[in-house]
Amino acid sequence: MNQQILAWLVLAASVFAEVLGTFALRYAEGFTRPLPSAAVVICYGSAIWLMSLSIKHLEMGLTYAVWAGCGTALTAALGIIWFDESSGPLRLAGLGCIVLGVIALNLSSH
């Protein structure tokens, strides 16, 4: 498999780990619940480690922007679905801007 493609897959796994860690953080209740607290540490640690692997083969700015943007957008979208968080037009427009920004950064790197 091409190293570039593998780096993108590893970055996707990093985003997934970051989103899982954020969900665990919600359930950790200020790190007072051991199992969700351990999940936060493991997921965030895994996310950073996986991102460090992908950054070897992708541009640093692009890697971080995709990681942060996708993680933010996914977390916000899942918060709307899972926790019934607000989903007003301005919030949805903001999520759209994040997604468009990540796409623009990706297109500009080629």
PDB file of N, CA and C in Angstrom:
ATOM      1  N   MET A   1       0.839  -1.181   0.000  1.00  0.00           N
ATOM      2  CA  MET A   1       0.000   0.000   0.000  1.00  0.00           C
ATOM      3  C   MET A   1       0.884   1.244   0.000  1.00  0.00           C
ATOM      4  N   ASN A   2       0.490   2.234  -0.743  1.00  0.00           N
ATOM      5  CA  ASN A   2       1.189   3.508  -0.832  1.00  0.00           C
ATOM      6  C   ASN A   2       1.299   4.147   0.563  1.00  0.00           C
ATOM      7  N   GLN A   3       2.477   4.682   0.897  1.00  0.00           N
ATOM      8  CA  GLN A   3       2.685   5.267   2.231  1.00  0.00           C
ATOM      9  C   GLN A   3       1.779   6.470   2.473  1.00  0.00           C
ATOM     10  N   GLN A   4       1.495   7.218   1.416  1.00  0.00           N
ATOM     11  CA  GLN A   4       0.614   8.379   1.532  1.00  0.00           C
ATOM     12  C   GLN A   4      -0.807   7.927   1.928  1.00  0.00           C
ATOM     13  N   ILE A   5      -1.289   6.891   1.273  1.00  0.00           N
ATOM     14  CA  ILE A   5      -2.625   6.370   1.584  1.00  0.00           C
ATOM     15  C   ILE A   5      -2.657   5.825   3.010  1.00  0.00           C
ATOM     16  N   LEU A   6      -1.620   5.100   3.376  1.00  0.00           N
ATOM     17  CA  LEU A   6      -1.537   4.563   4.737  1.00  0.00           C
ATOM     18  C   LEU A   6      -1.522   5.698   5.765  1.00  0.00           C
ATOM     19  N   ALA A   7      -0.796   6.776   5.453  1.00  0.00           N
ATOM     20  CA  ALA A   7      -0.745   7.924   6.365  1.00  0.00           C
ATOM     21  C   ALA A   7      -2.132   8.533   6.555  1.00  0.00           C
ATOM     22  N   TRP A   8      -2.920   8.607   5.482  1.00  0.00           N
ATOM     23  CA  TRP A   8      -4.287   9.134   5.588  1.00  0.00           C
ATOM     24  C   TRP A   8      -5.169   8.207   6.427  1.00  0.00           C
ATOM     25  N   LEU A   9      -5.000   6.910   6.269  1.00  0.00           N
ATOM     26  CA  LEU A   9      -5.778   5.955   7.066  1.00  0.00           C
ATOM     27  C   LEU A   9      -5.409   6.051   8.547  1.00  0.00           C
ATOM     28  N   VAL A  10      -4.120   6.213   8.815  1.00  0.00           N
ATOM     29  CA  VAL A  10      -3.662   6.364  10.202  1.00  0.00           C
ATOM     30  C   VAL A  10      -4.211   7.669  10.786  1.00  0.00           C
ATOM     31  N   LEU A  11      -4.234   8.729   9.972  1.00  0.00           N
ATOM     32  CA  LEU A  11      -4.794  10.002  10.433  1.00  0.00           C
ATOM     33  C   LEU A  11      -6.289   9.858  10.736  1.00  0.00           C
ATOM     34  N   ALA A  12      -7.005   9.120   9.905  1.00  0.00           N
ATOM     35  CA  ALA A  12      -8.434   8.876  10.162  1.00  0.00           C
ATOM     36  C   ALA A  12      -8.618   8.124  11.482  1.00  0.00           C
ATOM     37  N   ALA A  13      -7.758   7.154  11.746  1.00  0.00           N
ATOM     38  CA  ALA A  13      -7.821   6.421  13.016  1.00  0.00           C
ATOM     39  C   ALA A  13      -7.524   7.360  14.183  1.00  0.00           C
ATOM     40  N   SER A  14      -6.610   8.307  13.975  1.00  0.00           N
ATOM     41  CA  SER A  14      -6.281   9.285  14.997  1.00  0.00           C
ATOM     42  C   SER A  14      -7.488  10.168  15.314  1.00  0.00           C
ATOM     43  N   VAL A  15      -8.186  10.611  14.275  1.00  0.00           N
ATOM     44  CA  VAL A  15      -9.393  11.420  14.472  1.00  0.00           C
ATOM     45  C   VAL A  15     -10.438  10.611  15.244  1.00  0.00           C
ATOM     46  N   PHE A  16     -10.617   9.359  14.861  1.00  0.00           N
ATOM     47  CA  PHE A  16     -11.579   8.482  15.539  1.00  0.00           C
ATOM     48  C   PHE A  16     -11.228   8.350  17.024  1.00  0.00           C
ATOM     49  N   ALA A  17      -9.943   8.150  17.327  1.00  0.00           N
ATOM     50  CA  ALA A  17      -9.510   8.017  18.724  1.00  0.00           C
ATOM     51  C   ALA A  17      -9.753   9.311  19.493  1.00  0.00           C
ATOM     52  N   GLU A  18      -9.524  10.443  18.835  1.00  0.00           N
ATOM     53  CA  GLU A  18      -9.733  11.737  19.486  1.00  0.00           C
ATOM     54  C   GLU A  18     -11.212  11.956  19.800  1.00  0.00           C
ATOM     55  N   VAL A  19     -12.074  11.614  18.863  1.00  0.00           N
ATOM     56  CA  VAL A  19     -13.519  11.762  19.080  1.00  0.00           C
ATOM     57  C   VAL A  19     -13.988  10.822  20.199  1.00  0.00           C
ATOM     58  N   LEU A  20     -13.498   9.585  20.190  1.00  0.00           N
ATOM     59  CA  LEU A  20     -13.838   8.650  21.277  1.00  0.00           C
ATOM     60  C   LEU A  20     -13.383   9.193  22.630  1.00  0.00           C
ATOM     61  N   GLY A  21     -12.178   9.769  22.656  1.00  0.00           N
ATOM     62  CA  GLY A  21     -11.658  10.345  23.893  1.00  0.00           C
ATOM     63  C   GLY A  21     -12.518  11.492  24.395  1.00  0.00           C
ATOM     64  N   THR A  22     -13.007  12.300  23.478  1.00  0.00           N
ATOM     65  CA  THR A  22     -13.865  13.416  23.862  1.00  0.00           C
ATOM     66  C   THR A  22     -15.195  12.915  24.418  1.00  0.00           C
ATOM     67  N   PHE A  23     -15.746  11.866  23.797  1.00  0.00           N
ATOM     68  CA  PHE A  23     -16.974  11.276  24.332  1.00  0.00           C
ATOM     69  C   PHE A  23     -16.723  10.691  25.718  1.00  0.00           C
ATOM     70  N   ALA A  24     -15.601  10.017  25.894  1.00  0.00           N
ATOM     71  CA  ALA A  24     -15.271   9.456  27.208  1.00  0.00           C
ATOM     72  C   ALA A  24     -15.125  10.569  28.240  1.00  0.00           C
ATOM     73  N   LEU A  25     -14.591  11.714  27.805  1.00  0.00           N
ATOM     74  CA  LEU A  25     -14.422  12.853  28.706  1.00  0.00           C
ATOM     75  C   LEU A  25     -15.772  13.321  29.255  1.00  0.00           C
ATOM     76  N   ARG A  26     -16.766  13.253  28.415  1.00  0.00           N
ATOM     77  CA  ARG A  26     -18.121  13.635  28.846  1.00  0.00           C
ATOM     78  C   ARG A  26     -18.604  12.711  29.974  1.00  0.00           C
ATOM     79  N   TYR A  27     -18.269  11.437  29.874  1.00  0.00           N
ATOM     80  CA  TYR A  27     -18.715  10.456  30.869  1.00  0.00           C
ATOM     81  C   TYR A  27     -17.768  10.347  32.072  1.00  0.00           C
ATOM     82  N   ALA A  28     -16.576  10.921  31.981  1.00  0.00           N
ATOM     83  CA  ALA A  28     -15.592  10.811  33.064  1.00  0.00           C
ATOM     84  C   ALA A  28     -15.963  11.664  34.280  1.00  0.00           C
ATOM     85  N   GLU A  29     -16.847  12.625  34.082  1.00  0.00           N
ATOM     86  CA  GLU A  29     -17.319  13.488  35.169  1.00  0.00           C
ATOM     87  C   GLU A  29     -16.164  14.065  35.984  1.00  0.00           C
ATOM     88  N   GLY A  30     -15.309  14.819  35.282  1.00  0.00           N
ATOM     89  CA  GLY A  30     -14.177  15.451  35.963  1.00  0.00           C
ATOM     90  C   GLY A  30     -13.136  14.458  36.448  1.00  0.00           C
ATOM     91  N   PHE A  31     -12.980  13.374  35.741  1.00  0.00           N
ATOM     92  CA  PHE A  31     -12.036  12.299  36.071  1.00  0.00           C
ATOM     93  C   PHE A  31     -12.351  11.648  37.418  1.00  0.00           C
ATOM     94  N   THR A  32     -13.636  11.609  37.773  1.00  0.00           N
ATOM     95  CA  THR A  32     -14.046  10.944  39.015  1.00  0.00           C
ATOM     96  C   THR A  32     -14.515   9.513  38.766  1.00  0.00           C
ATOM     97  N   ARG A  33     -14.726   9.157  37.507  1.00  0.00           N
ATOM     98  CA  ARG A  33     -15.148   7.793  37.168  1.00  0.00           C
ATOM     99  C   ARG A  33     -13.962   7.091  36.496  1.00  0.00           C
ATOM    100  N   PRO A  34     -13.442   6.023  37.102  1.00  0.00           N
ATOM    101  CA  PRO A  34     -12.200   5.405  36.639  1.00  0.00           C
ATOM    102  C   PRO A  34     -12.216   4.891  35.196  1.00  0.00           C
ATOM    103  N   LEU A  35     -13.237   4.172  34.803  1.00  0.00           N
ATOM    104  CA  LEU A  35     -13.234   3.572  33.466  1.00  0.00           C
ATOM    105  C   LEU A  35     -13.280   4.624  32.359  1.00  0.00           C
ATOM    106  N   PRO A  36     -14.217   5.579  32.397  1.00  0.00           N
ATOM    107  CA  PRO A  36     -14.185   6.608  31.357  1.00  0.00           C
ATOM    108  C   PRO A  36     -12.914   7.461  31.417  1.00  0.00           C
ATOM    109  N   SER A  37     -12.393   7.677  32.622  1.00  0.00           N
ATOM    110  CA  SER A  37     -11.158   8.458  32.765  1.00  0.00           C
ATOM    111  C   SER A  37      -9.988   7.749  32.097  1.00  0.00           C
ATOM    112  N   ALA A  38      -9.893   6.443  32.294  1.00  0.00           N
ATOM    113  CA  ALA A  38      -8.838   5.662  31.635  1.00  0.00           C
ATOM    114  C   ALA A  38      -9.025   5.699  30.124  1.00  0.00           C
ATOM    115  N   ALA A  39     -10.271   5.638  29.671  1.00  0.00           N
ATOM    116  CA  ALA A  39     -10.545   5.698  28.232  1.00  0.00           C
ATOM    117  C   ALA A  39     -10.087   7.029  27.644  1.00  0.00           C
ATOM    118  N   VAL A  40     -10.272   8.125  28.386  1.00  0.00           N
ATOM    119  CA  VAL A  40      -9.818   9.443  27.922  1.00  0.00           C
ATOM    120  C   VAL A  40      -8.314   9.424  27.691  1.00  0.00           C
ATOM    121  N   VAL A  41      -7.576   8.967  28.676  1.00  0.00           N
ATOM    122  CA  VAL A  41      -6.111   8.948  28.587  1.00  0.00           C
ATOM    123  C   VAL A  41      -5.650   8.044  27.445  1.00  0.00           C
ATOM    124  N   ILE A  42      -6.228   6.869  27.341  1.00  0.00           N
ATOM    125  CA  ILE A  42      -5.841   5.926  26.287  1.00  0.00           C
ATOM    126  C   ILE A  42      -6.192   6.474  24.908  1.00  0.00           C
ATOM    127  N   CYS A  43      -7.400   7.000  24.761  1.00  0.00           N
ATOM    128  CA  CYS A  43      -7.829   7.501  23.447  1.00  0.00           C
ATOM    129  C   CYS A  43      -7.032   8.727  23.019  1.00  0.00           C
ATOM    130  N   TYR A  44      -6.855   9.701  23.916  1.00  0.00           N
ATOM    131  CA  TYR A  44      -6.087  10.888  23.546  1.00  0.00           C
ATOM    132  C   TYR A  44      -4.621  10.542  23.288  1.00  0.00           C
ATOM    133  N   GLY A  45      -4.063   9.666  24.112  1.00  0.00           N
ATOM    134  CA  GLY A  45      -2.687   9.228  23.870  1.00  0.00           C
ATOM    135  C   GLY A  45      -2.550   8.535  22.529  1.00  0.00           C
ATOM    136  N   SER A  46      -3.506   7.679  22.212  1.00  0.00           N
ATOM    137  CA  SER A  46      -3.499   6.985  20.914  1.00  0.00           C
ATOM    138  C   SER A  46      -3.655   7.970  19.770  1.00  0.00           C
ATOM    139  N   ALA A  47      -4.525   8.964  19.948  1.00  0.00           N
ATOM    140  CA  ALA A  47      -4.749   9.951  18.894  1.00  0.00           C
ATOM    141  C   ALA A  47      -3.464  10.711  18.570  1.00  0.00           C
ATOM    142  N   ILE A  48      -2.760  11.145  19.582  1.00  0.00           N
ATOM    143  CA  ILE A  48      -1.514  11.888  19.358  1.00  0.00           C
ATOM    144  C   ILE A  48      -0.454  10.981  18.744  1.00  0.00           C
ATOM    145  N   TRP A  49      -0.347   9.765  19.235  1.00  0.00           N
ATOM    146  CA  TRP A  49       0.638   8.826  18.685  1.00  0.00           C
ATOM    147  C   TRP A  49       0.349   8.538  17.209  1.00  0.00           C
ATOM    148  N   LEU A  50      -0.912   8.272  16.892  1.00  0.00           N
ATOM    149  CA  LEU A  50      -1.270   7.990  15.498  1.00  0.00           C
ATOM    150  C   LEU A  50      -1.025   9.210  14.614  1.00  0.00           C
ATOM    151  N   MET A  51      -1.344  10.410  15.128  1.00  0.00           N
ATOM    152  CA  MET A  51      -1.080  11.610  14.339  1.00  0.00           C
ATOM    153  C   MET A  51       0.417  11.777  14.110  1.00  0.00           C
ATOM    154  N   SER A  52       1.225  11.439  15.099  1.00  0.00           N
ATOM    155  CA  SER A  52       2.678  11.558  14.939  1.00  0.00           C
ATOM    156  C   SER A  52       3.198  10.617  13.853  1.00  0.00           C
ATOM    157  N   LEU A  53       2.528   9.485  13.676  1.00  0.00           N
ATOM    158  CA  LEU A  53       2.923   8.564  12.605  1.00  0.00           C
ATOM    159  C   LEU A  53       2.530   9.117  11.240  1.00  0.00           C
ATOM    160  N   SER A  54       1.345   9.685  11.149  1.00  0.00           N
ATOM    161  CA  SER A  54       0.883  10.194   9.855  1.00  0.00           C
ATOM    162  C   SER A  54       1.649  11.436   9.433  1.00  0.00           C
ATOM    163  N   ILE A  55       2.103  12.227  10.388  1.00  0.00           N
ATOM    164  CA  ILE A  55       2.786  13.479  10.065  1.00  0.00           C
ATOM    165  C   ILE A  55       4.165  13.240   9.433  1.00  0.00           C
ATOM    166  N   LYS A  56       4.641  12.006   9.523  1.00  0.00           N
ATOM    167  CA  LYS A  56       5.905  11.662   8.860  1.00  0.00           C
ATOM    168  C   LYS A  56       5.769  11.702   7.343  1.00  0.00           C
ATOM    169  N   HIS A  57       4.547  11.476   6.835  1.00  0.00           N
ATOM    170  CA  HIS A  57       4.343  11.349   5.390  1.00  0.00           C
ATOM    171  C   HIS A  57       3.394  12.392   4.809  1.00  0.00           C
ATOM    172  N   LEU A  58       2.829  13.233   5.659  1.00  0.00           N
ATOM    173  CA  LEU A  58       1.924  14.287   5.207  1.00  0.00           C
ATOM    174  C   LEU A  58       2.449  15.627   5.706  1.00  0.00           C
ATOM    175  N   GLU A  59       2.043  16.710   5.057  1.00  0.00           N
ATOM    176  CA  GLU A  59       2.463  18.035   5.500  1.00  0.00           C
ATOM    177  C   GLU A  59       1.931  18.304   6.907  1.00  0.00           C
ATOM    178  N   MET A  60       2.772  18.924   7.734  1.00  0.00           N
ATOM    179  CA  MET A  60       2.411  19.153   9.130  1.00  0.00           C
ATOM    180  C   MET A  60       1.155  20.012   9.265  1.00  0.00           C
ATOM    181  N   GLY A  61       1.103  21.138   8.566  1.00  0.00           N
ATOM    182  CA  GLY A  61      -0.054  22.027   8.667  1.00  0.00           C
ATOM    183  C   GLY A  61      -1.330  21.351   8.218  1.00  0.00           C
ATOM    184  N   LEU A  62      -1.241  20.618   7.132  1.00  0.00           N
ATOM    185  CA  LEU A  62      -2.402  19.899   6.614  1.00  0.00           C
ATOM    186  C   LEU A  62      -2.839  18.814   7.592  1.00  0.00           C
ATOM    187  N   THR A  63      -1.881  18.071   8.109  1.00  0.00           N
ATOM    188  CA  THR A  63      -2.192  16.988   9.048  1.00  0.00           C
ATOM    189  C   THR A  63      -2.929  17.519  10.266  1.00  0.00           C
ATOM    190  N   TYR A  64      -2.392  18.576  10.856  1.00  0.00           N
ATOM    191  CA  TYR A  64      -3.023  19.110  12.063  1.00  0.00           C
ATOM    192  C   TYR A  64      -4.386  19.717  11.754  1.00  0.00           C
ATOM    193  N   ALA A  65      -4.491  20.429  10.634  1.00  0.00           N
ATOM    194  CA  ALA A  65      -5.771  21.046  10.272  1.00  0.00           C
ATOM    195  C   ALA A  65      -6.844  19.991  10.031  1.00  0.00           C
ATOM    196  N   VAL A  66      -6.494  18.925   9.338  1.00  0.00           N
ATOM    197  CA  VAL A  66      -7.455  17.848   9.087  1.00  0.00           C
ATOM    198  C   VAL A  66      -7.835  17.183  10.404  1.00  0.00           C
ATOM    199  N   TRP A  67      -6.846  16.910  11.242  1.00  0.00           N
ATOM    200  CA  TRP A  67      -7.101  16.259  12.526  1.00  0.00           C
ATOM    201  C   TRP A  67      -8.018  17.112  13.398  1.00  0.00           C
ATOM    202  N   ALA A  68      -7.651  18.375  13.564  1.00  0.00           N
ATOM    203  CA  ALA A  68      -8.436  19.259  14.428  1.00  0.00           C
ATOM    204  C   ALA A  68      -9.810  19.552  13.825  1.00  0.00           C
ATOM    205  N   GLY A  69      -9.836  19.838  12.535  1.00  0.00           N
ATOM    206  CA  GLY A  69     -11.100  20.172  11.885  1.00  0.00           C
ATOM    207  C   GLY A  69     -12.070  19.010  11.861  1.00  0.00           C
ATOM    208  N   CYS A  70     -11.589  17.859  11.450  1.00  0.00           N
ATOM    209  CA  CYS A  70     -12.466  16.676  11.400  1.00  0.00           C
ATOM    210  C   CYS A  70     -12.901  16.258  12.799  1.00  0.00           C
ATOM    211  N   GLY A  71     -11.974  16.315  13.749  1.00  0.00           N
ATOM    212  CA  GLY A  71     -12.324  15.969  15.124  1.00  0.00           C
ATOM    213  C   GLY A  71     -13.375  16.911  15.691  1.00  0.00           C
ATOM    214  N   THR A  72     -13.209  18.206  15.434  1.00  0.00           N
ATOM    215  CA  THR A  72     -14.172  19.193  15.910  1.00  0.00           C
ATOM    216  C   THR A  72     -15.532  18.998  15.255  1.00  0.00           C
ATOM    217  N   ALA A  73     -15.535  18.852  13.938  1.00  0.00           N
ATOM    218  CA  ALA A  73     -16.799  18.695  13.210  1.00  0.00           C
ATOM    219  C   ALA A  73     -17.524  17.410  13.622  1.00  0.00           C
ATOM    220  N   LEU A  74     -16.781  16.316  13.716  1.00  0.00           N
ATOM    221  CA  LEU A  74     -17.408  15.046  14.114  1.00  0.00           C
ATOM    222  C   LEU A  74     -17.938  15.102  15.542  1.00  0.00           C
ATOM    223  N   THR A  75     -17.152  15.680  16.435  1.00  0.00           N
ATOM    224  CA  THR A  75     -17.580  15.778  17.828  1.00  0.00           C
ATOM    225  C   THR A  75     -18.839  16.632  17.942  1.00  0.00           C
ATOM    226  N   ALA A  76     -18.863  17.756  17.241  1.00  0.00           N
ATOM    227  CA  ALA A  76     -20.041  18.625  17.286  1.00  0.00           C
ATOM    228  C   ALA A  76     -21.258  17.940  16.670  1.00  0.00           C
ATOM    229  N   ALA A  77     -21.062  17.290  15.530  1.00  0.00           N
ATOM    230  CA  ALA A  77     -22.181  16.606  14.863  1.00  0.00           C
ATOM    231  C   ALA A  77     -22.716  15.468  15.728  1.00  0.00           C
ATOM    232  N   LEU A  78     -21.821  14.685  16.299  1.00  0.00           N
ATOM    233  CA  LEU A  78     -22.263  13.582  17.154  1.00  0.00           C
ATOM    234  C   LEU A  78     -22.882  14.088  18.452  1.00  0.00           C
ATOM    235  N   GLY A  79     -22.409  15.243  18.935  1.00  0.00           N
ATOM    236  CA  GLY A  79     -23.028  15.852  20.115  1.00  0.00           C
ATOM    237  C   GLY A  79     -24.473  16.239  19.843  1.00  0.00           C
ATOM    238  N   ILE A  80     -24.723  16.727  18.635  1.00  0.00           N
ATOM    239  CA  ILE A  80     -26.092  17.071  18.235  1.00  0.00           C
ATOM    240  C   ILE A  80     -26.955  15.814  18.208  1.00  0.00           C
ATOM    241  N   ILE A  81     -26.405  14.747  17.643  1.00  0.00           N
ATOM    242  CA  ILE A  81     -27.162  13.498  17.498  1.00  0.00           C
ATOM    243  C   ILE A  81     -27.281  12.756  18.831  1.00  0.00           C
ATOM    244  N   TRP A  82     -26.162  12.567  19.512  1.00  0.00           N
ATOM    245  CA  TRP A  82     -26.094  11.696  20.690  1.00  0.00           C
ATOM    246  C   TRP A  82     -26.621  12.371  21.961  1.00  0.00           C
ATOM    247  N   PHE A  83     -26.240  13.664  22.154  1.00  0.00           N
ATOM    248  CA  PHE A  83     -26.575  14.359  23.396  1.00  0.00           C
ATOM    249  C   PHE A  83     -27.650  15.425  23.214  1.00  0.00           C
ATOM    250  N   ASP A  84     -28.247  15.467  22.041  1.00  0.00           N
ATOM    251  CA  ASP A  84     -29.311  16.424  21.744  1.00  0.00           C
ATOM    252  C   ASP A  84     -28.855  17.866  21.982  1.00  0.00           C
ATOM    253  N   GLU A  85     -27.601  18.157  21.598  1.00  0.00           N
ATOM    254  CA  GLU A  85     -27.087  19.517  21.719  1.00  0.00           C
ATOM    255  C   GLU A  85     -27.726  20.394  20.649  1.00  0.00           C
ATOM    256  N   SER A  86     -27.638  21.705  20.844  1.00  0.00           N
ATOM    257  CA  SER A  86     -28.303  22.628  19.920  1.00  0.00           C
ATOM    258  C   SER A  86     -27.781  22.457  18.492  1.00  0.00           C
ATOM    259  N   SER A  87     -28.700  22.657  17.548  1.00  0.00           N
ATOM    260  CA  SER A  87     -28.343  22.486  16.134  1.00  0.00           C
ATOM    261  C   SER A  87     -28.916  23.618  15.297  1.00  0.00           C
ATOM    262  N   GLY A  88     -28.758  24.826  15.801  1.00  0.00           N
ATOM    263  CA  GLY A  88     -29.279  25.988  15.086  1.00  0.00           C
ATOM    264  C   GLY A  88     -28.538  26.240  13.784  1.00  0.00           C
ATOM    265  N   PRO A  89     -29.095  27.107  12.957  1.00  0.00           N
ATOM    266  CA  PRO A  89     -28.498  27.390  11.645  1.00  0.00           C
ATOM    267  C   PRO A  89     -27.057  27.905  11.734  1.00  0.00           C
ATOM    268  N   LEU A  90     -26.775  28.740  12.719  1.00  0.00           N
ATOM    269  CA  LEU A  90     -25.419  29.280  12.848  1.00  0.00           C
ATOM    270  C   LEU A  90     -24.416  28.178  13.191  1.00  0.00           C
ATOM    271  N   ARG A  91     -24.800  27.265  14.063  1.00  0.00           N
ATOM    272  CA  ARG A  91     -23.926  26.142  14.418  1.00  0.00           C
ATOM    273  C   ARG A  91     -23.677  25.254  13.202  1.00  0.00           C
ATOM    274  N   LEU A  92     -24.726  24.944  12.465  1.00  0.00           N
ATOM    275  CA  LEU A  92     -24.578  24.108  11.270  1.00  0.00           C
ATOM    276  C   LEU A  92     -23.739  24.812  10.206  1.00  0.00           C
ATOM    277  N   ALA A  93     -23.901  26.128  10.080  1.00  0.00           N
ATOM    278  CA  ALA A  93     -23.080  26.892   9.134  1.00  0.00           C
ATOM    279  C   ALA A  93     -21.613  26.843   9.555  1.00  0.00           C
ATOM    280  N   GLY A  94     -21.369  26.949  10.857  1.00  0.00           N
ATOM    281  CA  GLY A  94     -20.000  26.856  11.360  1.00  0.00           C
ATOM    282  C   GLY A  94     -19.373  25.506  11.065  1.00  0.00           C
ATOM    283  N   LEU A  95     -20.139  24.441  11.250  1.00  0.00           N
ATOM    284  CA  LEU A  95     -19.642  23.095  10.925  1.00  0.00           C
ATOM    285  C   LEU A  95     -19.335  22.992   9.438  1.00  0.00           C
ATOM    286  N   GLY A  96     -20.209  23.568   8.619  1.00  0.00           N
ATOM    287  CA  GLY A  96     -19.968  23.571   7.175  1.00  0.00           C
ATOM    288  C   GLY A  96     -18.690  24.310   6.822  1.00  0.00           C
ATOM    289  N   CYS A  97     -18.424  25.422   7.501  1.00  0.00           N
ATOM    290  CA  CYS A  97     -17.190  26.180   7.253  1.00  0.00           C
ATOM    291  C   CYS A  97     -15.954  25.362   7.623  1.00  0.00           C
ATOM    292  N   ILE A  98     -16.035  24.625   8.714  1.00  0.00           N
ATOM    293  CA  ILE A  98     -14.908  23.774   9.111  1.00  0.00           C
ATOM    294  C   ILE A  98     -14.636  22.738   8.028  1.00  0.00           C
ATOM    295  N   VAL A  99     -15.685  22.075   7.578  1.00  0.00           N
ATOM    296  CA  VAL A  99     -15.527  21.044   6.544  1.00  0.00           C
ATOM    297  C   VAL A  99     -14.967  21.657   5.266  1.00  0.00           C
ATOM    298  N   LEU A 100     -15.504  22.798   4.837  1.00  0.00           N
ATOM    299  CA  LEU A 100     -14.998  23.456   3.626  1.00  0.00           C
ATOM    300  C   LEU A 100     -13.544  23.890   3.795  1.00  0.00           C
ATOM    301  N   GLY A 101     -13.188  24.349   4.985  1.00  0.00           N
ATOM    302  CA  GLY A 101     -11.803  24.741   5.244  1.00  0.00           C
ATOM    303  C   GLY A 101     -10.841  23.571   5.140  1.00  0.00           C
ATOM    304  N   VAL A 102     -11.224  22.435   5.681  1.00  0.00           N
ATOM    305  CA  VAL A 102     -10.386  21.233   5.590  1.00  0.00           C
ATOM    306  C   VAL A 102     -10.241  20.804   4.135  1.00  0.00           C
ATOM    307  N   ILE A 103     -11.331  20.853   3.384  1.00  0.00           N
ATOM    308  CA  ILE A 103     -11.272  20.491   1.959  1.00  0.00           C
ATOM    309  C   ILE A 103     -10.358  21.452   1.209  1.00  0.00           C
ATOM    310  N   ALA A 104     -10.491  22.756   1.476  1.00  0.00           N
ATOM    311  CA  ALA A 104      -9.653  23.748   0.797  1.00  0.00           C
ATOM    312  C   ALA A 104      -8.175  23.536   1.108  1.00  0.00           C
ATOM    313  N   LEU A 105      -7.850  23.266   2.363  1.00  0.00           N
ATOM    314  CA  LEU A 105      -6.452  23.008   2.727  1.00  0.00           C
ATOM    315  C   LEU A 105      -5.922  21.771   2.017  1.00  0.00           C
ATOM    316  N   ASN A 106      -6.740  20.753   1.935  1.00  0.00           N
ATOM    317  CA  ASN A 106      -6.325  19.522   1.268  1.00  0.00           C
ATOM    318  C   ASN A 106      -6.091  19.768  -0.217  1.00  0.00           C
ATOM    319  N   LEU A 107      -6.987  20.490  -0.856  1.00  0.00           N
ATOM    320  CA  LEU A 107      -6.830  20.771  -2.285  1.00  0.00           C
ATOM    321  C   LEU A 107      -5.616  21.651  -2.557  1.00  0.00           C
ATOM    322  N   SER A 108      -5.323  22.575  -1.645  1.00  0.00           N
ATOM    323  CA  SER A 108      -4.193  23.483  -1.856  1.00  0.00           C
ATOM    324  C   SER A 108      -2.845  22.801  -1.664  1.00  0.00           C
ATOM    325  N   SER A 109      -2.835  21.619  -1.068  1.00  0.00           N
ATOM    326  CA  SER A 109      -1.558  20.936  -0.819  1.00  0.00           C
ATOM    327  C   SER A 109      -1.112  20.095  -2.006  1.00  0.00           C
ATOM    328  N   HIS A 110      -1.939  19.990  -3.029  1.00  0.00           N
ATOM    329  CA  HIS A 110      -1.593  19.155  -4.183  1.00  0.00           C
ATOM    330  C   HIS A 110      -1.071  19.978  -5.320  1.00  0.00           C
TER     331      HIS A 110
END
